[in-house]
């Protein structure tokens, strides 16, 4: 799931644009560790689109999401906000 998903996520404009040490703008929209994937969205509207990309790739290789294992947090201007995106299955 992750190997194919991140390649497709790299093709989007979702996530955060930051400058690297060479002053080149790069987009950051996920973090991967082992079998864990974290999606990073600049706006709440980006999350459903990013989830569809990952879900489509996952379905192609016969993997499924478990919405109960997909918590979300909403951080605005460095502060944790109540509520947020609810996973729908």
PDB file of N, CA and C in Angstrom:
ATOM      1  N   UNK A   1       0.817  -1.191   0.000  1.00  0.00           N
ATOM      2  CA  UNK A   1       0.000   0.000   0.000  1.00  0.00           C
ATOM      3  C   UNK A   1       0.861   1.255   0.000  1.00  0.00           C
ATOM      4  N   UNK A   2       1.774   1.368   0.895  1.00  0.00           N
ATOM      5  CA  UNK A   2       2.529   2.595   1.089  1.00  0.00           C
ATOM      6  C   UNK A   2       3.408   2.910  -0.112  1.00  0.00           C
ATOM      7  N   UNK A   3       4.093   1.916  -0.643  1.00  0.00           N
ATOM      8  CA  UNK A   3       5.016   2.179  -1.743  1.00  0.00           C
ATOM      9  C   UNK A   3       4.315   2.796  -2.944  1.00  0.00           C
ATOM     10  N   UNK A   4       3.144   2.310  -3.275  1.00  0.00           N
ATOM     11  CA  UNK A   4       2.426   2.845  -4.414  1.00  0.00           C
ATOM     12  C   UNK A   4       1.691   4.131  -4.057  1.00  0.00           C
ATOM     13  N   UNK A   5       1.223   4.248  -2.849  1.00  0.00           N
ATOM     14  CA  UNK A   5       0.462   5.417  -2.430  1.00  0.00           C
ATOM     15  C   UNK A   5       1.320   6.662  -2.418  1.00  0.00           C
ATOM     16  N   UNK A   6       2.527   6.564  -1.858  1.00  0.00           N
ATOM     17  CA  UNK A   6       3.325   7.777  -1.746  1.00  0.00           C
ATOM     18  C   UNK A   6       3.727   8.305  -3.115  1.00  0.00           C
ATOM     19  N   UNK A   7       3.920   7.417  -4.089  1.00  0.00           N
ATOM     20  CA  UNK A   7       4.251   7.877  -5.429  1.00  0.00           C
ATOM     21  C   UNK A   7       3.112   8.708  -6.003  1.00  0.00           C
ATOM     22  N   UNK A   8       1.891   8.280  -5.775  1.00  0.00           N
ATOM     23  CA  UNK A   8       0.740   9.034  -6.277  1.00  0.00           C
ATOM     24  C   UNK A   8       0.534  10.305  -5.474  1.00  0.00           C
ATOM     25  N   UNK A   9       0.773  10.259  -4.168  1.00  0.00           N
ATOM     26  CA  UNK A   9       0.638  11.463  -3.353  1.00  0.00           C
ATOM     27  C   UNK A   9       1.648  12.523  -3.780  1.00  0.00           C
ATOM     28  N   UNK A  10       2.835  12.089  -4.210  1.00  0.00           N
ATOM     29  CA  UNK A  10       3.861  13.036  -4.668  1.00  0.00           C
ATOM     30  C   UNK A  10       3.419  13.813  -5.909  1.00  0.00           C
ATOM     31  N   UNK A  11       2.489  13.264  -6.664  1.00  0.00           N
ATOM     32  CA  UNK A  11       2.025  13.918  -7.888  1.00  0.00           C
ATOM     33  C   UNK A  11       0.962  14.982  -7.617  1.00  0.00           C
ATOM     34  N   UNK A  12       0.486  15.081  -6.391  1.00  0.00           N
ATOM     35  CA  UNK A  12      -0.569  16.035  -6.056  1.00  0.00           C
ATOM     36  C   UNK A  12       0.021  17.359  -5.573  1.00  0.00           C
ATOM     37  N   UNK A  13      -0.843  18.321  -5.381  1.00  0.00           N
ATOM     38  CA  UNK A  13      -0.469  19.617  -4.795  1.00  0.00           C
ATOM     39  C   UNK A  13      -0.889  19.667  -3.325  1.00  0.00           C
ATOM     40  N   UNK A  14      -1.246  18.527  -2.742  1.00  0.00           N
ATOM     41  CA  UNK A  14      -1.706  18.473  -1.358  1.00  0.00           C
ATOM     42  C   UNK A  14      -0.525  18.512  -0.394  1.00  0.00           C
ATOM     43  N   UNK A  15      -0.780  18.962   0.821  1.00  0.00           N
ATOM     44  CA  UNK A  15       0.247  18.986   1.849  1.00  0.00           C
ATOM     45  C   UNK A  15       0.832  20.371   2.016  1.00  0.00           C
ATOM     46  N   UNK A  16       2.055  20.425   2.497  1.00  0.00           N
ATOM     47  CA  UNK A  16       2.726  21.681   2.810  1.00  0.00           C
ATOM     48  C   UNK A  16       3.921  21.895   1.903  1.00  0.00           C
ATOM     49  N   UNK A  17       4.076  23.114   1.398  1.00  0.00           N
ATOM     50  CA  UNK A  17       5.237  23.471   0.595  1.00  0.00           C
ATOM     51  C   UNK A  17       6.273  24.090   1.524  1.00  0.00           C
ATOM     52  N   UNK A  18       7.468  23.514   1.531  1.00  0.00           N
ATOM     53  CA  UNK A  18       8.549  24.036   2.365  1.00  0.00           C
ATOM     54  C   UNK A  18       9.823  24.121   1.529  1.00  0.00           C
ATOM     55  N   UNK A  19      10.788  24.883   1.998  1.00  0.00           N
ATOM     56  CA  UNK A  19      12.069  24.982   1.299  1.00  0.00           C
ATOM     57  C   UNK A  19      13.091  24.095   1.990  1.00  0.00           C
ATOM     58  N   UNK A  20      13.847  23.363   1.185  1.00  0.00           N
ATOM     59  CA  UNK A  20      14.906  22.533   1.736  1.00  0.00           C
ATOM     60  C   UNK A  20      16.182  23.365   1.897  1.00  0.00           C
ATOM     61  N   UNK A  21      17.281  22.738   2.270  1.00  0.00           N
ATOM     62  CA  UNK A  21      18.528  23.464   2.490  1.00  0.00           C
ATOM     63  C   UNK A  21      19.062  24.137   1.234  1.00  0.00           C
ATOM     64  N   UNK A  22      18.686  23.622   0.079  1.00  0.00           N
ATOM     65  CA  UNK A  22      19.120  24.219  -1.185  1.00  0.00           C
ATOM     66  C   UNK A  22      18.150  25.304  -1.659  1.00  0.00           C
ATOM     67  N   UNK A  23      17.196  25.662  -0.796  1.00  0.00           N
ATOM     68  CA  UNK A  23      16.183  26.690  -1.097  1.00  0.00           C
ATOM     69  C   UNK A  23      15.215  26.250  -2.189  1.00  0.00           C
ATOM     70  N   UNK A  24      15.139  24.933  -2.438  1.00  0.00           N
ATOM     71  CA  UNK A  24      14.179  24.410  -3.395  1.00  0.00           C
ATOM     72  C   UNK A  24      12.875  24.141  -2.654  1.00  0.00           C
ATOM     73  N   UNK A  25      11.768  24.436  -3.297  1.00  0.00           N
ATOM     74  CA  UNK A  25      10.464  24.174  -2.681  1.00  0.00           C
ATOM     75  C   UNK A  25      10.121  22.701  -2.882  1.00  0.00           C
ATOM     76  N   UNK A  26       9.814  22.027  -1.790  1.00  0.00           N
ATOM     77  CA  UNK A  26       9.392  20.627  -1.835  1.00  0.00           C
ATOM     78  C   UNK A  26       8.048  20.512  -1.133  1.00  0.00           C
ATOM     79  N   UNK A  27       7.297  19.527  -1.517  1.00  0.00           N
ATOM     80  CA  UNK A  27       5.979  19.314  -0.930  1.00  0.00           C
ATOM     81  C   UNK A  27       6.062  18.146   0.054  1.00  0.00           C
ATOM     82  N   UNK A  28       5.517  18.352   1.241  1.00  0.00           N
ATOM     83  CA  UNK A  28       5.464  17.303   2.264  1.00  0.00           C
ATOM     84  C   UNK A  28       3.997  16.994   2.520  1.00  0.00           C
ATOM     85  N   UNK A  29       3.591  15.752   2.231  1.00  0.00           N
ATOM     86  CA  UNK A  29       2.188  15.396   2.465  1.00  0.00           C
ATOM     87  C   UNK A  29       2.001  14.023   3.106  1.00  0.00           C
ATOM     88  N   UNK A  30       3.098  13.411   3.522  1.00  0.00           N
ATOM     89  CA  UNK A  30       2.977  12.132   4.232  1.00  0.00           C
ATOM     90  C   UNK A  30       4.243  11.856   5.034  1.00  0.00           C
ATOM     91  N   UNK A  31       4.090  10.997   6.018  1.00  0.00           N
ATOM     92  CA  UNK A  31       5.211  10.434   6.768  1.00  0.00           C
ATOM     93  C   UNK A  31       5.009   8.929   6.784  1.00  0.00           C
ATOM     94  N   UNK A  32       6.078   8.194   6.587  1.00  0.00           N
ATOM     95  CA  UNK A  32       5.997   6.733   6.576  1.00  0.00           C
ATOM     96  C   UNK A  32       6.973   6.174   7.597  1.00  0.00           C
ATOM     97  N   UNK A  33       6.491   5.216   8.379  1.00  0.00           N
ATOM     98  CA  UNK A  33       7.360   4.450   9.261  1.00  0.00           C
ATOM     99  C   UNK A  33       6.831   3.031   9.297  1.00  0.00           C
ATOM    100  N   UNK A  34       7.630   2.102   8.849  1.00  0.00           N
ATOM    101  CA  UNK A  34       7.251   0.687   8.774  1.00  0.00           C
ATOM    102  C   UNK A  34       5.949   0.570   7.973  1.00  0.00           C
ATOM    103  N   UNK A  35       4.870   0.097   8.607  1.00  0.00           N
ATOM    104  CA  UNK A  35       3.606  -0.054   7.894  1.00  0.00           C
ATOM    105  C   UNK A  35       2.612   1.046   8.262  1.00  0.00           C
ATOM    106  N   UNK A  36       3.109   2.140   8.789  1.00  0.00           N
ATOM    107  CA  UNK A  36       2.268   3.231   9.257  1.00  0.00           C
ATOM    108  C   UNK A  36       2.395   4.423   8.306  1.00  0.00           C
ATOM    109  N   UNK A  37       1.281   4.958   7.876  1.00  0.00           N
ATOM    110  CA  UNK A  37       1.260   6.093   6.967  1.00  0.00           C
ATOM    111  C   UNK A  37       0.500   7.242   7.621  1.00  0.00           C
ATOM    112  N   UNK A  38       1.121   8.406   7.704  1.00  0.00           N
ATOM    113  CA  UNK A  38       0.493   9.620   8.230  1.00  0.00           C
ATOM    114  C   UNK A  38       0.321  10.582   7.065  1.00  0.00           C
ATOM    115  N   UNK A  39      -0.899  11.049   6.859  1.00  0.00           N
ATOM    116  CA  UNK A  39      -1.164  12.035   5.815  1.00  0.00           C
ATOM    117  C   UNK A  39      -1.128  13.418   6.425  1.00  0.00           C
ATOM    118  N   UNK A  40      -0.437  14.336   5.761  1.00  0.00           N
ATOM    119  CA  UNK A  40      -0.303  15.716   6.233  1.00  0.00           C
ATOM    120  C   UNK A  40      -1.018  16.635   5.245  1.00  0.00           C
ATOM    121  N   UNK A  41      -2.030  17.319   5.717  1.00  0.00           N
ATOM    122  CA  UNK A  41      -2.853  18.155   4.850  1.00  0.00           C
ATOM    123  C   UNK A  41      -2.769  19.611   5.283  1.00  0.00           C
ATOM    124  N   UNK A  42      -2.639  20.506   4.316  1.00  0.00           N
ATOM    125  CA  UNK A  42      -2.620  21.935   4.621  1.00  0.00           C
ATOM    126  C   UNK A  42      -4.017  22.445   4.945  1.00  0.00           C
ATOM    127  N   UNK A  43      -5.053  21.788   4.402  1.00  0.00           N
ATOM    128  CA  UNK A  43      -6.436  22.156   4.697  1.00  0.00           C
ATOM    129  C   UNK A  43      -7.254  20.893   4.930  1.00  0.00           C
ATOM    130  N   UNK A  44      -8.370  21.049   5.622  1.00  0.00           N
ATOM    131  CA  UNK A  44      -9.252  19.902   5.868  1.00  0.00           C
ATOM    132  C   UNK A  44      -9.826  19.359   4.565  1.00  0.00           C
ATOM    133  N   UNK A  45      -9.959  20.194   3.561  1.00  0.00           N
ATOM    134  CA  UNK A  45     -10.506  19.754   2.278  1.00  0.00           C
ATOM    135  C   UNK A  45      -9.585  18.786   1.547  1.00  0.00           C
ATOM    136  N   UNK A  46      -8.307  18.809   1.847  1.00  0.00           N
ATOM    137  CA  UNK A  46      -7.355  17.926   1.171  1.00  0.00           C
ATOM    138  C   UNK A  46      -7.459  16.480   1.642  1.00  0.00           C
ATOM    139  N   UNK A  47      -7.842  16.287   2.893  1.00  0.00           N
ATOM    140  CA  UNK A  47      -7.820  14.942   3.467  1.00  0.00           C
ATOM    141  C   UNK A  47      -8.679  13.930   2.709  1.00  0.00           C
ATOM    142  N   UNK A  48      -9.940  14.219   2.392  1.00  0.00           N
ATOM    143  CA  UNK A  48     -10.723  13.215   1.652  1.00  0.00           C
ATOM    144  C   UNK A  48     -10.094  12.835   0.313  1.00  0.00           C
ATOM    145  N   UNK A  49      -9.487  13.795  -0.368  1.00  0.00           N
ATOM    146  CA  UNK A  49      -8.847  13.512  -1.656  1.00  0.00           C
ATOM    147  C   UNK A  49      -7.630  12.597  -1.472  1.00  0.00           C
ATOM    148  N   UNK A  50      -6.834  12.891  -0.446  1.00  0.00           N
ATOM    149  CA  UNK A  50      -5.657  12.064  -0.179  1.00  0.00           C
ATOM    150  C   UNK A  50      -6.067  10.656   0.253  1.00  0.00           C
ATOM    151  N   UNK A  51      -7.115  10.571   1.054  1.00  0.00           N
ATOM    152  CA  UNK A  51      -7.603   9.256   1.482  1.00  0.00           C
ATOM    153  C   UNK A  51      -8.086   8.430   0.303  1.00  0.00           C
ATOM    154  N   UNK A  52      -8.739   9.076  -0.656  1.00  0.00           N
ATOM    155  CA  UNK A  52      -9.200   8.347  -1.841  1.00  0.00           C
ATOM    156  C   UNK A  52      -8.025   7.778  -2.633  1.00  0.00           C
ATOM    157  N   UNK A  53      -6.941   8.532  -2.732  1.00  0.00           N
ATOM    158  CA  UNK A  53      -5.751   8.037  -3.435  1.00  0.00           C
ATOM    159  C   UNK A  53      -5.214   6.786  -2.744  1.00  0.00           C
ATOM    160  N   UNK A  54      -5.046   6.866  -1.425  1.00  0.00           N
ATOM    161  CA  UNK A  54      -4.506   5.732  -0.679  1.00  0.00           C
ATOM    162  C   UNK A  54      -5.481   4.557  -0.718  1.00  0.00           C
ATOM    163  N   UNK A  55      -6.775   4.841  -0.597  1.00  0.00           N
ATOM    164  CA  UNK A  55      -7.769   3.769  -0.622  1.00  0.00           C
ATOM    165  C   UNK A  55      -7.790   3.057  -1.969  1.00  0.00           C
ATOM    166  N   UNK A  56      -7.696   3.820  -3.051  1.00  0.00           N
ATOM    167  CA  UNK A  56      -7.707   3.228  -4.391  1.00  0.00           C
ATOM    168  C   UNK A  56      -6.519   2.281  -4.570  1.00  0.00           C
ATOM    169  N   UNK A  57      -5.343   2.722  -4.172  1.00  0.00           N
ATOM    170  CA  UNK A  57      -4.157   1.875  -4.271  1.00  0.00           C
ATOM    171  C   UNK A  57      -4.308   0.655  -3.369  1.00  0.00           C
ATOM    172  N   UNK A  58      -4.811   0.862  -2.169  1.00  0.00           N
ATOM    173  CA  UNK A  58      -5.000  -0.246  -1.227  1.00  0.00           C
ATOM    174  C   UNK A  58      -5.964  -1.284  -1.786  1.00  0.00           C
ATOM    175  N   UNK A  59      -7.061  -0.825  -2.351  1.00  0.00           N
ATOM    176  CA  UNK A  59      -8.038  -1.752  -2.934  1.00  0.00           C
ATOM    177  C   UNK A  59      -7.425  -2.549  -4.076  1.00  0.00           C
ATOM    178  N   UNK A  60      -6.561  -1.903  -4.857  1.00  0.00           N
ATOM    179  CA  UNK A  60      -5.925  -2.604  -5.978  1.00  0.00           C
ATOM    180  C   UNK A  60      -5.048  -3.759  -5.518  1.00  0.00           C
ATOM    181  N   UNK A  61      -4.504  -3.668  -4.318  1.00  0.00           N
ATOM    182  CA  UNK A  61      -3.660  -4.765  -3.822  1.00  0.00           C
ATOM    183  C   UNK A  61      -4.358  -5.544  -2.704  1.00  0.00           C
ATOM    184  N   UNK A  62      -5.689  -5.396  -2.657  1.00  0.00           N
ATOM    185  CA  UNK A  62      -6.548  -6.175  -1.748  1.00  0.00           C
ATOM    186  C   UNK A  62      -6.294  -5.883  -0.265  1.00  0.00           C
ATOM    187  N   UNK A  63      -6.015  -4.630   0.055  1.00  0.00           N
ATOM    188  CA  UNK A  63      -5.907  -4.209   1.450  1.00  0.00           C
ATOM    189  C   UNK A  63      -7.099  -3.316   1.756  1.00  0.00           C
ATOM    190  N   UNK A  64      -7.492  -3.274   3.042  1.00  0.00           N
ATOM    191  CA  UNK A  64      -8.635  -2.462   3.437  1.00  0.00           C
ATOM    192  C   UNK A  64      -8.263  -1.505   4.554  1.00  0.00           C
ATOM    193  N   UNK A  65      -8.953  -0.369   4.582  1.00  0.00           N
ATOM    194  CA  UNK A  65      -8.833   0.560   5.698  1.00  0.00           C
ATOM    195  C   UNK A  65      -9.689   0.069   6.851  1.00  0.00           C
ATOM    196  N   UNK A  66      -9.257   0.323   8.055  1.00  0.00           N
ATOM    197  CA  UNK A  66     -10.101   0.133   9.228  1.00  0.00           C
ATOM    198  C   UNK A  66     -10.329   1.521   9.812  1.00  0.00           C
ATOM    199  N   UNK A  67     -11.497   2.129   9.536  1.00  0.00           N
ATOM    200  CA  UNK A  67     -11.739   3.497   9.995  1.00  0.00           C
ATOM    201  C   UNK A  67     -11.573   3.679  11.503  1.00  0.00           C
ATOM    202  N   UNK A  68     -11.750   2.626  12.265  1.00  0.00           N
ATOM    203  CA  UNK A  68     -11.582   2.721  13.720  1.00  0.00           C
ATOM    204  C   UNK A  68     -10.109   2.898  14.106  1.00  0.00           C
ATOM    205  N   UNK A  69      -9.203   2.606  13.197  1.00  0.00           N
ATOM    206  CA  UNK A  69      -7.776   2.743  13.482  1.00  0.00           C
ATOM    207  C   UNK A  69      -7.176   3.964  12.780  1.00  0.00           C
ATOM    208  N   UNK A  70      -8.051   4.887  12.357  1.00  0.00           N
ATOM    209  CA  UNK A  70      -7.605   6.053  11.598  1.00  0.00           C
ATOM    210  C   UNK A  70      -8.001   7.349  12.303  1.00  0.00           C
ATOM    211  N   UNK A  71      -7.373   7.654  13.414  1.00  0.00           N
ATOM    212  CA  UNK A  71      -7.723   8.910  14.093  1.00  0.00           C
ATOM    213  C   UNK A  71      -7.183  10.115  13.320  1.00  0.00           C
ATOM    214  N   UNK A  72      -7.825  11.252  13.525  1.00  0.00           N
ATOM    215  CA  UNK A  72      -7.351  12.491  12.923  1.00  0.00           C
ATOM    216  C   UNK A  72      -7.197  13.547  14.009  1.00  0.00           C
ATOM    217  N   UNK A  73      -6.301  14.475  13.759  1.00  0.00           N
ATOM    218  CA  UNK A  73      -6.192  15.642  14.634  1.00  0.00           C
ATOM    219  C   UNK A  73      -6.201  16.877  13.751  1.00  0.00           C
ATOM    220  N   UNK A  74      -6.659  17.966  14.307  1.00  0.00           N
ATOM    221  CA  UNK A  74      -6.755  19.223  13.578  1.00  0.00           C
ATOM    222  C   UNK A  74      -5.929  20.256  14.332  1.00  0.00           C
ATOM    223  N   UNK A  75      -4.873  20.738  13.692  1.00  0.00           N
ATOM    224  CA  UNK A  75      -3.998  21.741  14.304  1.00  0.00           C
ATOM    225  C   UNK A  75      -4.089  23.008  13.458  1.00  0.00           C
ATOM    226  N   UNK A  76      -4.482  24.104  14.097  1.00  0.00           N
ATOM    227  CA  UNK A  76      -4.608  25.384  13.412  1.00  0.00           C
ATOM    228  C   UNK A  76      -3.718  26.393  14.127  1.00  0.00           C
ATOM    229  N   UNK A  77      -2.802  26.983  13.381  1.00  0.00           N
ATOM    230  CA  UNK A  77      -1.858  27.961  13.924  1.00  0.00           C
ATOM    231  C   UNK A  77      -1.154  27.430  15.174  1.00  0.00           C
ATOM    232  N   UNK A  78      -0.755  26.161  15.112  1.00  0.00           N
ATOM    233  CA  UNK A  78       0.010  25.552  16.198  1.00  0.00           C
ATOM    234  C   UNK A  78      -0.802  25.090  17.387  1.00  0.00           C
ATOM    235  N   UNK A  79      -2.121  25.196  17.314  1.00  0.00           N
ATOM    236  CA  UNK A  79      -2.962  24.790  18.443  1.00  0.00           C
ATOM    237  C   UNK A  79      -3.895  23.664  18.030  1.00  0.00           C
ATOM    238  N   UNK A  80      -4.019  22.685  18.926  1.00  0.00           N
ATOM    239  CA  UNK A  80      -4.913  21.558  18.697  1.00  0.00           C
ATOM    240  C   UNK A  80      -6.356  22.028  18.802  1.00  0.00           C
ATOM    241  N   UNK A  81      -7.163  21.731  17.792  1.00  0.00           N
ATOM    242  CA  UNK A  81      -8.568  22.121  17.755  1.00  0.00           C
ATOM    243  C   UNK A  81      -9.440  20.905  18.006  1.00  0.00           C
ATOM    244  N   UNK A  82     -10.550  21.129  18.678  1.00  0.00           N
ATOM    245  CA  UNK A  82     -11.524  20.060  18.907  1.00  0.00           C
ATOM    246  C   UNK A  82     -12.200  19.690  17.597  1.00  0.00           C
ATOM    247  N   UNK A  83     -12.670  18.474  17.543  1.00  0.00           N
ATOM    248  CA  UNK A  83     -13.363  18.017  16.343  1.00  0.00           C
ATOM    249  C   UNK A  83     -12.376  17.720  15.249  1.00  0.00           C
ATOM    250  N   UNK A  84     -12.881  17.614  14.061  1.00  0.00           N
ATOM    251  CA  UNK A  84     -12.022  17.340  12.924  1.00  0.00           C
ATOM    252  C   UNK A  84     -12.707  16.417  11.978  1.00  0.00           C
ATOM    253  N   UNK A  85     -11.987  15.868  11.077  1.00  0.00           N
ATOM    254  CA  UNK A  85     -12.510  14.999  10.039  1.00  0.00           C
ATOM    255  C   UNK A  85     -12.917  13.655  10.626  1.00  0.00           C
ATOM    256  N   UNK A  86     -14.063  13.175  10.256  1.00  0.00           N
ATOM    257  CA  UNK A  86     -14.532  11.852  10.684  1.00  0.00           C
ATOM    258  C   UNK A  86     -14.406  10.898   9.505  1.00  0.00           C
ATOM    259  N   UNK A  87     -13.760   9.770   9.755  1.00  0.00           N
ATOM    260  CA  UNK A  87     -13.635   8.754   8.711  1.00  0.00           C
ATOM    261  C   UNK A  87     -14.999   8.162   8.430  1.00  0.00           C
ATOM    262  N   UNK A  88     -15.303   7.976   7.147  1.00  0.00           N
ATOM    263  CA  UNK A  88     -16.536   7.315   6.748  1.00  0.00           C
ATOM    264  C   UNK A  88     -16.148   6.106   5.930  1.00  0.00           C
ATOM    265  N   UNK A  89     -16.838   5.037   6.197  1.00  0.00           N
ATOM    266  CA  UNK A  89     -16.514   3.809   5.478  1.00  0.00           C
ATOM    267  C   UNK A  89     -17.641   3.425   4.578  1.00  0.00           C
TER     268      UNK A  89
END
